[in-house]
Amino acid sequence: MRNQEEQSQKEAKRVERLKAEEAEQLAKDQARKKAYLAREETIEKASKERKAKRTEKRVAEEIGQSAKDQARRDIYIAKEQAIAEAQKARKLKAKK
């Protein structure tokens, strides 16, 4: 009988130790998950910031390129008008 009581006590301690280990493992898993989520959030935030900076840079470059293109068109149109006026002047001069 005494042997059975000892075994019962050992079993109770084993079950108690097992529950404690499970609780500890659960706490570790939760901490690991929380750290993982925080790390992922940090990565996502940094990614969004980089994307926003790239977008701002691209928009600024597009505005600059648009201004350059407009200036190039204006210069081309001015040259074409100058050529047309010169031709018109030559035609008038040739008629006289």
PDB file of N, CA and C in Angstrom:
ATOM      1  N   MET A   1       0.818  -1.179   0.000  1.00  0.00           N
ATOM      2  CA  MET A   1       0.000   0.000   0.000  1.00  0.00           C
ATOM      3  C   MET A   1       0.873   1.258   0.000  1.00  0.00           C
ATOM      4  N   ARG A   2       1.901   1.185   0.800  1.00  0.00           N
ATOM      5  CA  ARG A   2       2.774   2.334   0.887  1.00  0.00           C
ATOM      6  C   ARG A   2       3.444   2.587  -0.461  1.00  0.00           C
ATOM      7  N   ASN A   3       3.802   1.551  -1.131  1.00  0.00           N
ATOM      8  CA  ASN A   3       4.419   1.652  -2.450  1.00  0.00           C
ATOM      9  C   ASN A   3       3.461   2.316  -3.436  1.00  0.00           C
ATOM     10  N   GLN A   4       2.218   1.985  -3.300  1.00  0.00           N
ATOM     11  CA  GLN A   4       1.198   2.562  -4.174  1.00  0.00           C
ATOM     12  C   GLN A   4       1.032   4.059  -3.891  1.00  0.00           C
ATOM     13  N   GLU A   5       1.120   4.463  -2.636  1.00  0.00           N
ATOM     14  CA  GLU A   5       1.021   5.876  -2.264  1.00  0.00           C
ATOM     15  C   GLU A   5       2.220   6.652  -2.807  1.00  0.00           C
ATOM     16  N   GLU A   6       3.413   6.043  -2.686  1.00  0.00           N
ATOM     17  CA  GLU A   6       4.613   6.688  -3.200  1.00  0.00           C
ATOM     18  C   GLU A   6       4.518   6.880  -4.716  1.00  0.00           C
ATOM     19  N   GLN A   7       4.042   5.843  -5.357  1.00  0.00           N
ATOM     20  CA  GLN A   7       3.893   5.926  -6.804  1.00  0.00           C
ATOM     21  C   GLN A   7       2.862   6.984  -7.185  1.00  0.00           C
ATOM     22  N   SER A   8       1.822   7.076  -6.413  1.00  0.00           N
ATOM     23  CA  SER A   8       0.779   8.062  -6.656  1.00  0.00           C
ATOM     24  C   SER A   8       1.333   9.472  -6.463  1.00  0.00           C
ATOM     25  N   GLN A   9       2.155   9.654  -5.441  1.00  0.00           N
ATOM     26  CA  GLN A   9       2.777  10.951  -5.193  1.00  0.00           C
ATOM     27  C   GLN A   9       3.760  11.295  -6.322  1.00  0.00           C
ATOM     28  N   LYS A  10       4.540  10.299  -6.751  1.00  0.00           N
ATOM     29  CA  LYS A  10       5.480  10.520  -7.847  1.00  0.00           C
ATOM     30  C   LYS A  10       4.727  10.907  -9.118  1.00  0.00           C
ATOM     31  N   GLU A  11       3.622  10.202  -9.340  1.00  0.00           N
ATOM     32  CA  GLU A  11       2.814  10.505 -10.527  1.00  0.00           C
ATOM     33  C   GLU A  11       2.240  11.917 -10.440  1.00  0.00           C
ATOM     34  N   ALA A  12       1.794  12.310  -9.264  1.00  0.00           N
ATOM     35  CA  ALA A  12       1.245  13.650  -9.064  1.00  0.00           C
ATOM     36  C   ALA A  12       2.323  14.703  -9.301  1.00  0.00           C
ATOM     37  N   LYS A  13       3.542  14.461  -8.796  1.00  0.00           N
ATOM     38  CA  LYS A  13       4.654  15.392  -9.019  1.00  0.00           C
ATOM     39  C   LYS A  13       5.008  15.466 -10.505  1.00  0.00           C
ATOM     40  N   ARG A  14       4.995  14.291 -11.144  1.00  0.00           N
ATOM     41  CA  ARG A  14       5.312  14.258 -12.569  1.00  0.00           C
ATOM     42  C   ARG A  14       4.282  15.056 -13.370  1.00  0.00           C
ATOM     43  N   VAL A  15       3.017  14.865 -13.031  1.00  0.00           N
ATOM     44  CA  VAL A  15       1.938  15.590 -13.716  1.00  0.00           C
ATOM     45  C   VAL A  15       2.068  17.084 -13.447  1.00  0.00           C
ATOM     46  N   GLU A  16       2.378  17.441 -12.220  1.00  0.00           N
ATOM     47  CA  GLU A  16       2.545  18.843 -11.857  1.00  0.00           C
ATOM     48  C   GLU A  16       3.728  19.459 -12.610  1.00  0.00           C
ATOM     49  N   ARG A  17       4.856  18.716 -12.654  1.00  0.00           N
ATOM     50  CA  ARG A  17       6.039  19.186 -13.371  1.00  0.00           C
ATOM     51  C   ARG A  17       5.727  19.333 -14.862  1.00  0.00           C
ATOM     52  N   LEU A  18       4.998  18.386 -15.396  1.00  0.00           N
ATOM     53  CA  LEU A  18       4.622  18.426 -16.806  1.00  0.00           C
ATOM     54  C   LEU A  18       3.755  19.647 -17.098  1.00  0.00           C
ATOM     55  N   LYS A  19       2.793  19.920 -16.219  1.00  0.00           N
ATOM     56  CA  LYS A  19       1.943  21.103 -16.398  1.00  0.00           C
ATOM     57  C   LYS A  19       2.775  22.384 -16.335  1.00  0.00           C
ATOM     58  N   ALA A  20       3.731  22.427 -15.408  1.00  0.00           N
ATOM     59  CA  ALA A  20       4.592  23.602 -15.275  1.00  0.00           C
ATOM     60  C   ALA A  20       5.429  23.786 -16.545  1.00  0.00           C
ATOM     61  N   GLU A  21       5.960  22.674 -17.072  1.00  0.00           N
ATOM     62  CA  GLU A  21       6.751  22.745 -18.295  1.00  0.00           C
ATOM     63  C   GLU A  21       5.893  23.203 -19.478  1.00  0.00           C
ATOM     64  N   GLU A  22       4.665  22.711 -19.546  1.00  0.00           N
ATOM     65  CA  GLU A  22       3.758  23.123 -20.613  1.00  0.00           C
ATOM     66  C   GLU A  22       3.442  24.612 -20.522  1.00  0.00           C
ATOM     67  N   ALA A  23       3.205  25.081 -19.292  1.00  0.00           N
ATOM     68  CA  ALA A  23       2.916  26.505 -19.091  1.00  0.00           C
ATOM     69  C   ALA A  23       4.126  27.353 -19.482  1.00  0.00           C
ATOM     70  N   GLU A  24       5.315  26.876 -19.101  1.00  0.00           N
ATOM     71  CA  GLU A  24       6.542  27.593 -19.440  1.00  0.00           C
ATOM     72  C   GLU A  24       6.740  27.612 -20.960  1.00  0.00           C
ATOM     73  N   GLN A  25       6.498  26.472 -21.593  1.00  0.00           N
ATOM     74  CA  GLN A  25       6.645  26.396 -23.047  1.00  0.00           C
ATOM     75  C   GLN A  25       5.628  27.311 -23.739  1.00  0.00           C
ATOM     76  N   LEU A  26       4.416  27.341 -23.213  1.00  0.00           N
ATOM     77  CA  LEU A  26       3.387  28.223 -23.776  1.00  0.00           C
ATOM     78  C   LEU A  26       3.808  29.684 -23.667  1.00  0.00           C
ATOM     79  N   ALA A  27       4.359  30.053 -22.494  1.00  0.00           N
ATOM     80  CA  ALA A  27       4.817  31.431 -22.295  1.00  0.00           C
ATOM     81  C   ALA A  27       5.950  31.759 -23.272  1.00  0.00           C
ATOM     82  N   LYS A  28       6.885  30.807 -23.452  1.00  0.00           N
ATOM     83  CA  LYS A  28       7.984  31.024 -24.395  1.00  0.00           C
ATOM     84  C   LYS A  28       7.450  31.180 -25.815  1.00  0.00           C
ATOM     85  N   ASP A  29       6.502  30.326 -26.184  1.00  0.00           N
ATOM     86  CA  ASP A  29       5.921  30.407 -27.524  1.00  0.00           C
ATOM     87  C   ASP A  29       5.215  31.737 -27.748  1.00  0.00           C
ATOM     88  N   GLN A  30       4.487  32.187 -26.734  1.00  0.00           N
ATOM     89  CA  GLN A  30       3.786  33.470 -26.845  1.00  0.00           C
ATOM     90  C   GLN A  30       4.787  34.623 -26.977  1.00  0.00           C
ATOM     91  N   ALA A  31       5.858  34.560 -26.192  1.00  0.00           N
ATOM     92  CA  ALA A  31       6.884  35.608 -26.273  1.00  0.00           C
ATOM     93  C   ALA A  31       7.548  35.591 -27.644  1.00  0.00           C
ATOM     94  N   ARG A  32       7.830  34.395 -28.153  1.00  0.00           N
ATOM     95  CA  ARG A  32       8.445  34.259 -29.473  1.00  0.00           C
ATOM     96  C   ARG A  32       7.518  34.806 -30.553  1.00  0.00           C
ATOM     97  N   LYS A  33       6.226  34.481 -30.430  1.00  0.00           N
ATOM     98  CA  LYS A  33       5.252  34.961 -31.404  1.00  0.00           C
ATOM     99  C   LYS A  33       5.141  36.483 -31.353  1.00  0.00           C
ATOM    100  N   LYS A  34       5.125  37.035 -30.136  1.00  0.00           N
ATOM    101  CA  LYS A  34       5.037  38.484 -29.979  1.00  0.00           C
ATOM    102  C   LYS A  34       6.260  39.169 -30.589  1.00  0.00           C
ATOM    103  N   ALA A  35       7.446  38.604 -30.357  1.00  0.00           N
ATOM    104  CA  ALA A  35       8.676  39.166 -30.922  1.00  0.00           C
ATOM    105  C   ALA A  35       8.651  39.069 -32.438  1.00  0.00           C
ATOM    106  N   TYR A  36       8.170  37.947 -32.952  1.00  0.00           N
ATOM    107  CA  TYR A  36       8.085  37.760 -34.400  1.00  0.00           C
ATOM    108  C   TYR A  36       7.150  38.797 -35.020  1.00  0.00           C
ATOM    109  N   LEU A  37       5.991  38.987 -34.393  1.00  0.00           N
ATOM    110  CA  LEU A  37       5.025  39.953 -34.921  1.00  0.00           C
ATOM    111  C   LEU A  37       5.582  41.377 -34.868  1.00  0.00           C
ATOM    112  N   ALA A  38       6.293  41.693 -33.784  1.00  0.00           N
ATOM    113  CA  ALA A  38       6.900  43.026 -33.670  1.00  0.00           C
ATOM    114  C   ALA A  38       7.954  43.222 -34.757  1.00  0.00           C
ATOM    115  N   ARG A  39       8.746  42.182 -34.998  1.00  0.00           N
ATOM    116  CA  ARG A  39       9.772  42.248 -36.035  1.00  0.00           C
ATOM    117  C   ARG A  39       9.129  42.412 -37.412  1.00  0.00           C
ATOM    118  N   GLU A  40       8.077  41.666 -37.667  1.00  0.00           N
ATOM    119  CA  GLU A  40       7.372  41.773 -38.952  1.00  0.00           C
ATOM    120  C   GLU A  40       6.754  43.163 -39.126  1.00  0.00           C
ATOM    121  N   GLU A  41       6.213  43.698 -38.045  1.00  0.00           N
ATOM    122  CA  GLU A  41       5.619  45.044 -38.101  1.00  0.00           C
ATOM    123  C   GLU A  41       6.693  46.084 -38.415  1.00  0.00           C
ATOM    124  N   THR A  42       7.859  45.933 -37.793  1.00  0.00           N
ATOM    125  CA  THR A  42       8.968  46.854 -38.046  1.00  0.00           C
ATOM    126  C   THR A  42       9.411  46.770 -39.504  1.00  0.00           C
ATOM    127  N   ILE A  43       9.505  45.553 -40.016  1.00  0.00           N
ATOM    128  CA  ILE A  43       9.901  45.354 -41.405  1.00  0.00           C
ATOM    129  C   ILE A  43       8.870  45.982 -42.339  1.00  0.00           C
ATOM    130  N   GLU A  44       7.603  45.759 -42.048  1.00  0.00           N
ATOM    131  CA  GLU A  44       6.520  46.309 -42.878  1.00  0.00           C
ATOM    132  C   GLU A  44       6.539  47.835 -42.857  1.00  0.00           C
ATOM    133  N   LYS A  45       6.759  48.394 -41.678  1.00  0.00           N
ATOM    134  CA  LYS A  45       6.801  49.857 -41.551  1.00  0.00           C
ATOM    135  C   LYS A  45       7.970  50.426 -42.356  1.00  0.00           C
ATOM    136  N   ALA A  46       9.132  49.790 -42.250  1.00  0.00           N
ATOM    137  CA  ALA A  46      10.308  50.245 -43.000  1.00  0.00           C
ATOM    138  C   ALA A  46      10.064  50.124 -44.500  1.00  0.00           C
ATOM    139  N   SER A  47       9.405  49.052 -44.883  1.00  0.00           N
ATOM    140  CA  SER A  47       9.092  48.847 -46.303  1.00  0.00           C
ATOM    141  C   SER A  47       8.162  49.938 -46.816  1.00  0.00           C
ATOM    142  N   LYS A  48       7.155  50.278 -46.036  1.00  0.00           N
ATOM    143  CA  LYS A  48       6.228  51.345 -46.433  1.00  0.00           C
ATOM    144  C   LYS A  48       6.952  52.679 -46.543  1.00  0.00           C
ATOM    145  N   GLU A  49       7.864  52.944 -45.612  1.00  0.00           N
ATOM    146  CA  GLU A  49       8.618  54.197 -45.657  1.00  0.00           C
ATOM    147  C   GLU A  49       9.498  54.263 -46.905  1.00  0.00           C
ATOM    148  N   ARG A  50      10.166  53.135 -47.225  1.00  0.00           N
ATOM    149  CA  ARG A  50      10.999  53.108 -48.433  1.00  0.00           C
ATOM    150  C   ARG A  50      10.143  53.305 -49.679  1.00  0.00           C
ATOM    151  N   LYS A  51       8.977  52.683 -49.694  1.00  0.00           N
ATOM    152  CA  LYS A  51       8.088  52.822 -50.846  1.00  0.00           C
ATOM    153  C   LYS A  51       7.626  54.268 -50.995  1.00  0.00           C
ATOM    154  N   ALA A  52       7.293  54.904 -49.877  1.00  0.00           N
ATOM    155  CA  ALA A  52       6.854  56.304 -49.920  1.00  0.00           C
ATOM    156  C   ALA A  52       7.982  57.200 -50.437  1.00  0.00           C
ATOM    157  N   LYS A  53       9.212  56.943 -49.981  1.00  0.00           N
ATOM    158  CA  LYS A  53      10.344  57.750 -50.448  1.00  0.00           C
ATOM    159  C   LYS A  53      10.581  57.546 -51.943  1.00  0.00           C
ATOM    160  N   ARG A  54      10.481  56.283 -52.397  1.00  0.00           N
ATOM    161  CA  ARG A  54      10.651  56.017 -53.831  1.00  0.00           C
ATOM    162  C   ARG A  54       9.571  56.729 -54.637  1.00  0.00           C
ATOM    163  N   THR A  55       8.348  56.713 -54.131  1.00  0.00           N
ATOM    164  CA  THR A  55       7.240  57.367 -54.826  1.00  0.00           C
ATOM    165  C   THR A  55       7.478  58.869 -54.903  1.00  0.00           C
ATOM    166  N   GLU A  56       7.891  59.474 -53.782  1.00  0.00           N
ATOM    167  CA  GLU A  56       8.176  60.910 -53.777  1.00  0.00           C
ATOM    168  C   GLU A  56       9.278  61.247 -54.776  1.00  0.00           C
ATOM    169  N   LYS A  57      10.329  60.421 -54.785  1.00  0.00           N
ATOM    170  CA  LYS A  57      11.445  60.668 -55.686  1.00  0.00           C
ATOM    171  C   LYS A  57      10.994  60.543 -57.142  1.00  0.00           C
ATOM    172  N   ARG A  58      10.198  59.511 -57.414  1.00  0.00           N
ATOM    173  CA  ARG A  58       9.712  59.298 -58.780  1.00  0.00           C
ATOM    174  C   ARG A  58       8.833  60.456 -59.235  1.00  0.00           C
ATOM    175  N   VAL A  59       7.960  60.925 -58.340  1.00  0.00           N
ATOM    176  CA  VAL A  59       7.080  62.045 -58.677  1.00  0.00           C
ATOM    177  C   VAL A  59       7.915  63.293 -58.971  1.00  0.00           C
ATOM    178  N   ALA A  60       8.914  63.541 -58.144  1.00  0.00           N
ATOM    179  CA  ALA A  60       9.775  64.706 -58.359  1.00  0.00           C
ATOM    180  C   ALA A  60      10.515  64.585 -59.691  1.00  0.00           C
ATOM    181  N   GLU A  61      11.002  63.378 -59.989  1.00  0.00           N
ATOM    182  CA  GLU A  61      11.698  63.173 -61.265  1.00  0.00           C
ATOM    183  C   GLU A  61      10.744  63.349 -62.443  1.00  0.00           C
ATOM    184  N   GLU A  62       9.523  62.860 -62.305  1.00  0.00           N
ATOM    185  CA  GLU A  62       8.543  63.006 -63.382  1.00  0.00           C
ATOM    186  C   GLU A  62       8.199  64.468 -63.618  1.00  0.00           C
ATOM    187  N   ILE A  63       8.071  65.225 -62.548  1.00  0.00           N
ATOM    188  CA  ILE A  63       7.785  66.656 -62.686  1.00  0.00           C
ATOM    189  C   ILE A  63       8.955  67.345 -63.391  1.00  0.00           C
ATOM    190  N   GLY A  64      10.169  67.012 -62.963  1.00  0.00           N
ATOM    191  CA  GLY A  64      11.351  67.596 -63.601  1.00  0.00           C
ATOM    192  C   GLY A  64      11.446  67.210 -65.068  1.00  0.00           C
ATOM    193  N   GLN A  65      11.181  65.948 -65.359  1.00  0.00           N
ATOM    194  CA  GLN A  65      11.232  65.476 -66.748  1.00  0.00           C
ATOM    195  C   GLN A  65      10.146  66.134 -67.585  1.00  0.00           C
ATOM    196  N   SER A  66       8.968  66.306 -66.992  1.00  0.00           N
ATOM    197  CA  SER A  66       7.873  66.956 -67.699  1.00  0.00           C
ATOM    198  C   SER A  66       8.246  68.393 -68.048  1.00  0.00           C
ATOM    199  N   ALA A  67       8.880  69.082 -67.103  1.00  0.00           N
ATOM    200  CA  ALA A  67       9.303  70.461 -67.362  1.00  0.00           C
ATOM    201  C   ALA A  67      10.358  70.497 -68.467  1.00  0.00           C
ATOM    202  N   LYS A  68      11.293  69.539 -68.440  1.00  0.00           N
ATOM    203  CA  LYS A  68      12.316  69.487 -69.487  1.00  0.00           C
ATOM    204  C   LYS A  68      11.683  69.215 -70.850  1.00  0.00           C
ATOM    205  N   ASP A  69      10.747  68.272 -70.856  1.00  0.00           N
ATOM    206  CA  ASP A  69      10.068  67.950 -72.122  1.00  0.00           C
ATOM    207  C   ASP A  69       9.307  69.152 -72.664  1.00  0.00           C
ATOM    208  N   GLN A  70       8.632  69.881 -71.792  1.00  0.00           N
ATOM    209  CA  GLN A  70       7.882  71.067 -72.219  1.00  0.00           C
ATOM    210  C   GLN A  70       8.826  72.122 -72.768  1.00  0.00           C
ATOM    211  N   ALA A  71       9.958  72.320 -72.098  1.00  0.00           N
ATOM    212  CA  ALA A  71      10.936  73.304 -72.574  1.00  0.00           C
ATOM    213  C   ALA A  71      11.469  72.876 -73.948  1.00  0.00           C
ATOM    214  N   ARG A  72      11.738  71.578 -74.093  1.00  0.00           N
ATOM    215  CA  ARG A  72      12.230  71.064 -75.380  1.00  0.00           C
ATOM    216  C   ARG A  72      11.195  71.289 -76.486  1.00  0.00           C
ATOM    217  N   ARG A  73       9.911  71.043 -76.176  1.00  0.00           N
ATOM    218  CA  ARG A  73       8.844  71.280 -77.166  1.00  0.00           C
ATOM    219  C   ARG A  73       8.756  72.763 -77.527  1.00  0.00           C
ATOM    220  N   ASP A  74       8.827  73.612 -76.493  1.00  0.00           N
ATOM    221  CA  ASP A  74       8.756  75.059 -76.738  1.00  0.00           C
ATOM    222  C   ASP A  74       9.903  75.513 -77.636  1.00  0.00           C
ATOM    223  N   ILE A  75      11.107  75.013 -77.392  1.00  0.00           N
ATOM    224  CA  ILE A  75      12.266  75.374 -78.215  1.00  0.00           C
ATOM    225  C   ILE A  75      12.068  74.885 -79.646  1.00  0.00           C
ATOM    226  N   TYR A  76      11.566  73.667 -79.792  1.00  0.00           N
ATOM    227  CA  TYR A  76      11.323  73.109 -81.130  1.00  0.00           C
ATOM    228  C   TYR A  76      10.305  73.952 -81.896  1.00  0.00           C
ATOM    229  N   ILE A  77       9.216  74.304 -81.201  1.00  0.00           N
ATOM    230  CA  ILE A  77       8.174  75.128 -81.840  1.00  0.00           C
ATOM    231  C   ILE A  77       8.747  76.489 -82.242  1.00  0.00           C
ATOM    232  N   ALA A  78       9.549  77.088 -81.357  1.00  0.00           N
ATOM    233  CA  ALA A  78      10.149  78.393 -81.667  1.00  0.00           C
ATOM    234  C   ALA A  78      11.068  78.291 -82.888  1.00  0.00           C
ATOM    235  N   LYS A  79      11.848  77.204 -82.949  1.00  0.00           N
ATOM    236  CA  LYS A  79      12.728  77.016 -84.113  1.00  0.00           C
ATOM    237  C   LYS A  79      11.914  76.848 -85.393  1.00  0.00           C
ATOM    238  N   GLU A  80      10.862  76.062 -85.313  1.00  0.00           N
ATOM    239  CA  GLU A  80      10.008  75.845 -86.482  1.00  0.00           C
ATOM    240  C   GLU A  80       9.371  77.155 -86.938  1.00  0.00           C
ATOM    241  N   GLN A  81       8.931  77.972 -85.979  1.00  0.00           N
ATOM    242  CA  GLN A  81       8.342  79.263 -86.337  1.00  0.00           C
ATOM    243  C   GLN A  81       9.387  80.171 -86.968  1.00  0.00           C
ATOM    244  N   ALA A  82      10.604  80.141 -86.436  1.00  0.00           N
ATOM    245  CA  ALA A  82      11.675  80.977 -86.998  1.00  0.00           C
ATOM    246  C   ALA A  82      11.993  80.539 -88.424  1.00  0.00           C
ATOM    247  N   ILE A  83      12.021  79.230 -88.647  1.00  0.00           N
ATOM    248  CA  ILE A  83      12.280  78.708 -89.995  1.00  0.00           C
ATOM    249  C   ILE A  83      11.154  79.135 -90.946  1.00  0.00           C
ATOM    250  N   ALA A  84       9.913  79.003 -90.480  1.00  0.00           N
ATOM    251  CA  ALA A  84       8.766  79.376 -91.318  1.00  0.00           C
ATOM    252  C   ALA A  84       8.809  80.868 -91.642  1.00  0.00           C
ATOM    253  N   GLU A  85       9.115  81.701 -90.667  1.00  0.00           N
ATOM    254  CA  GLU A  85       9.195  83.144 -90.913  1.00  0.00           C
ATOM    255  C   GLU A  85      10.336  83.483 -91.868  1.00  0.00           C
ATOM    256  N   ALA A  86      11.435  82.772 -91.720  1.00  0.00           N
ATOM    257  CA  ALA A  86      12.571  83.019 -92.616  1.00  0.00           C
ATOM    258  C   ALA A  86      12.201  82.634 -94.041  1.00  0.00           C
ATOM    259  N   GLN A  87      11.504  81.508 -94.188  1.00  0.00           N
ATOM    260  CA  GLN A  87      11.067  81.100 -95.534  1.00  0.00           C
ATOM    261  C   GLN A  87      10.099  82.117 -96.114  1.00  0.00           C
ATOM    262  N   LYS A  88       9.184  82.588 -95.294  1.00  0.00           N
ATOM    263  CA  LYS A  88       8.207  83.584 -95.741  1.00  0.00           C
ATOM    264  C   LYS A  88       8.936  84.855 -96.172  1.00  0.00           C
ATOM    265  N   ALA A  89       9.928  85.261 -95.400  1.00  0.00           N
ATOM    266  CA  ALA A  89      10.693  86.471 -95.719  1.00  0.00           C
ATOM    267  C   ALA A  89      11.447  86.280 -97.035  1.00  0.00           C
ATOM    268  N   ARG A  90      12.034  85.119 -97.256  1.00  0.00           N
ATOM    269  CA  ARG A  90      12.756  84.847 -98.507  1.00  0.00           C
ATOM    270  C   ARG A  90      11.802  84.877 -99.706  1.00  0.00           C
ATOM    271  N   LYS A  91      10.602  84.311 -99.510  1.00  0.00           N
ATOM    272  CA  LYS A  91       9.619  84.318-100.597  1.00  0.00           C
ATOM    273  C   LYS A  91       9.209  85.749-100.945  1.00  0.00           C
ATOM    274  N   LEU A  92       8.962  86.567 -99.926  1.00  0.00           N
ATOM    275  CA  LEU A  92       8.601  87.962-100.166  1.00  0.00           C
ATOM    276  C   LEU A  92       9.742  88.696-100.866  1.00  0.00           C
ATOM    277  N   LYS A  93      10.946  88.448-100.425  1.00  0.00           N
ATOM    278  CA  LYS A  93      12.110  89.106-101.008  1.00  0.00           C
ATOM    279  C   LYS A  93      12.292  88.666-102.464  1.00  0.00           C
ATOM    280  N   ALA A  94      12.025  87.393-102.729  1.00  0.00           N
ATOM    281  CA  ALA A  94      12.168  86.873-104.100  1.00  0.00           C
ATOM    282  C   ALA A  94      11.093  87.480-105.005  1.00  0.00           C
ATOM    283  N   LYS A  95       9.910  87.753-104.508  1.00  0.00           N
ATOM    284  CA  LYS A  95       8.837  88.349-105.290  1.00  0.00           C
ATOM    285  C   LYS A  95       9.180  89.792-105.681  1.00  0.00           C
ATOM    286  N   LYS A  96       9.888  90.495-104.850  1.00  0.00           N
ATOM    287  CA  LYS A  96      10.203  91.917-105.094  1.00  0.00           C
ATOM    288  C   LYS A  96      11.264  91.980-106.080  1.00  0.00           C
TER     289      LYS A  96
END
